Amino acid sequence: MTSPLENLAGTGKPLAAEPMDAAEFEGLLRSGTARLVDARNASLALESRFDLAYNAAHALCLAALRRQGYRARHRYIVFQA
């Protein structure tokens, strides 16, 4: 049975199959977690906090995608996959 991620991978599709890199995965987790912590800082402007939260979500979603052995060709697909 083909997984939903496999269906999204291939030539001309939004995902590319690529072996997981442990260092990249750990870096994405660190980055996402740090940005999420910073987004809670009430002394920052609301716009900055939103930006930090958005980029934290992107990094953590990308980490999950990379952990499964895929790379997104477009930023939006990270959230949809």
C-alpha atoms as a PDB file:
ATOM      1  CA  MET A   1       0.000   0.000   0.000  1.00  0.00           C
ATOM      2  CA  THR A   2       1.353   3.413  -0.985  1.00  0.00           C
ATOM      3  CA  SER A   3       1.593   6.046   1.755  1.00  0.00           C
ATOM      4  CA  PRO A   4       0.234   9.565   1.283  1.00  0.00           C
ATOM      5  CA  LEU A   5       3.806  10.914   1.353  1.00  0.00           C
ATOM      6  CA  GLU A   6       4.871   8.479  -1.370  1.00  0.00           C
ATOM      7  CA  ASN A   7       1.975   9.746  -3.493  1.00  0.00           C
ATOM      8  CA  LEU A   8       3.327  13.303  -3.160  1.00  0.00           C
ATOM      9  CA  ALA A   9       6.905  12.364  -4.130  1.00  0.00           C
ATOM     10  CA  GLY A  10       8.416  12.126  -7.576  1.00  0.00           C
ATOM     11  CA  THR A  11       9.266  14.114 -10.669  1.00  0.00           C
ATOM     12  CA  GLY A  12       7.056  17.180 -10.913  1.00  0.00           C
ATOM     13  CA  LYS A  13       5.510  16.525  -7.499  1.00  0.00           C
ATOM     14  CA  PRO A  14       5.905  18.657  -4.353  1.00  0.00           C
ATOM     15  CA  LEU A  15       8.086  16.185  -2.402  1.00  0.00           C
ATOM     16  CA  ALA A  16      11.383  14.511  -3.175  1.00  0.00           C
ATOM     17  CA  ALA A  17      12.484  11.294  -1.489  1.00  0.00           C
ATOM     18  CA  GLU A  18      15.811  11.912   0.242  1.00  0.00           C
ATOM     19  CA  PRO A  19      17.482   9.938   3.018  1.00  0.00           C
ATOM     20  CA  MET A  20      17.128  11.436   6.467  1.00  0.00           C
ATOM     21  CA  ASP A  21      20.180  13.268   7.810  1.00  0.00           C
ATOM     22  CA  ALA A  22      20.388  12.992  11.605  1.00  0.00           C
ATOM     23  CA  ALA A  23      22.351  16.242  12.017  1.00  0.00           C
ATOM     24  CA  GLU A  24      19.828  18.171   9.909  1.00  0.00           C
ATOM     25  CA  PHE A  25      16.938  16.627  11.848  1.00  0.00           C
ATOM     26  CA  GLU A  26      18.462  17.561  15.218  1.00  0.00           C
ATOM     27  CA  GLY A  27      19.204  21.079  13.977  1.00  0.00           C
ATOM     28  CA  LEU A  28      15.609  21.565  12.862  1.00  0.00           C
ATOM     29  CA  LEU A  29      14.332  20.364  16.238  1.00  0.00           C
ATOM     30  CA  ARG A  30      16.710  22.717  18.073  1.00  0.00           C
ATOM     31  CA  SER A  31      15.762  25.657  15.860  1.00  0.00           C
ATOM     32  CA  GLY A  32      12.031  25.026  16.134  1.00  0.00           C
ATOM     33  CA  THR A  33      12.142  24.577  19.887  1.00  0.00           C
ATOM     34  CA  ALA A  34      14.266  27.703  20.450  1.00  0.00           C
ATOM     35  CA  ARG A  35      11.969  29.823  18.286  1.00  0.00           C
ATOM     36  CA  LEU A  36       8.915  28.517  20.091  1.00  0.00           C
ATOM     37  CA  VAL A  37      10.460  29.491  23.436  1.00  0.00           C
ATOM     38  CA  ASP A  38      11.349  32.958  22.085  1.00  0.00           C
ATOM     39  CA  ALA A  39       7.811  33.402  20.717  1.00  0.00           C
ATOM     40  CA  ARG A  40       6.542  33.300  24.299  1.00  0.00           C
ATOM     41  CA  ASN A  41       8.624  36.359  25.219  1.00  0.00           C
ATOM     42  CA  ALA A  42       6.014  39.020  26.022  1.00  0.00           C
ATOM     43  CA  SER A  43       8.602  41.813  25.774  1.00  0.00           C
ATOM     44  CA  LEU A  44       8.831  41.305  21.996  1.00  0.00           C
ATOM     45  CA  ALA A  45       6.498  42.958  19.515  1.00  0.00           C
ATOM     46  CA  LEU A  46       3.459  40.878  18.614  1.00  0.00           C
ATOM     47  CA  GLU A  47       4.606  40.757  14.978  1.00  0.00           C
ATOM     48  CA  SER A  48       7.983  39.361  16.042  1.00  0.00           C
ATOM     49  CA  ARG A  49       6.345  36.764  18.240  1.00  0.00           C
ATOM     50  CA  PHE A  50       4.081  35.683  15.392  1.00  0.00           C
ATOM     51  CA  ASP A  51       7.080  35.416  13.052  1.00  0.00           C
ATOM     52  CA  LEU A  52       8.951  33.301  15.589  1.00  0.00           C
ATOM     53  CA  ALA A  53       5.945  31.021  16.155  1.00  0.00           C
ATOM     54  CA  TYR A  54       5.374  30.587  12.408  1.00  0.00           C
ATOM     55  CA  ASN A  55       9.023  29.739  11.772  1.00  0.00           C
ATOM     56  CA  ALA A  56       9.040  27.372  14.754  1.00  0.00           C
ATOM     57  CA  ALA A  57       6.040  25.543  13.289  1.00  0.00           C
ATOM     58  CA  HIS A  58       7.741  25.362   9.896  1.00  0.00           C
ATOM     59  CA  ALA A  59      10.993  24.001  11.364  1.00  0.00           C
ATOM     60  CA  LEU A  60       9.178  21.359  13.422  1.00  0.00           C
ATOM     61  CA  CYS A  61       6.956  20.268  10.523  1.00  0.00           C
ATOM     62  CA  LEU A  62      10.002  20.117   8.267  1.00  0.00           C
ATOM     63  CA  ALA A  63      11.810  18.004  10.871  1.00  0.00           C
ATOM     64  CA  ALA A  64       8.917  15.525  10.846  1.00  0.00           C
ATOM     65  CA  LEU A  65       8.947  15.414   7.042  1.00  0.00           C
ATOM     66  CA  ARG A  66      12.729  14.958   6.896  1.00  0.00           C
ATOM     67  CA  ARG A  67      12.502  12.221   9.550  1.00  0.00           C
ATOM     68  CA  GLN A  68      10.276  10.290   7.131  1.00  0.00           C
ATOM     69  CA  GLY A  69      12.841  10.679   4.327  1.00  0.00           C
ATOM     70  CA  TYR A  70      11.307  13.459   2.251  1.00  0.00           C
ATOM     71  CA  ARG A  71      12.265  17.008   1.298  1.00  0.00           C
ATOM     72  CA  ALA A  72       9.731  19.637   0.256  1.00  0.00           C
ATOM     73  CA  ARG A  73      10.222  21.448  -3.031  1.00  0.00           C
ATOM     74  CA  HIS A  74       8.018  24.328  -1.833  1.00  0.00           C
ATOM     75  CA  ARG A  75       7.601  25.889   1.603  1.00  0.00           C
ATOM     76  CA  TYR A  76       3.804  25.496   1.706  1.00  0.00           C
ATOM     77  CA  ILE A  77       3.880  21.714   1.299  1.00  0.00           C
ATOM     78  CA  VAL A  78       5.697  21.313   4.622  1.00  0.00           C
ATOM     79  CA  PHE A  79       2.470  22.273   6.404  1.00  0.00           C
ATOM     80  CA  GLN A  80       0.195  20.268   4.112  1.00  0.00           C
ATOM     81  CA  ALA A  81       2.158  17.030   4.111  1.00  0.00           C
END
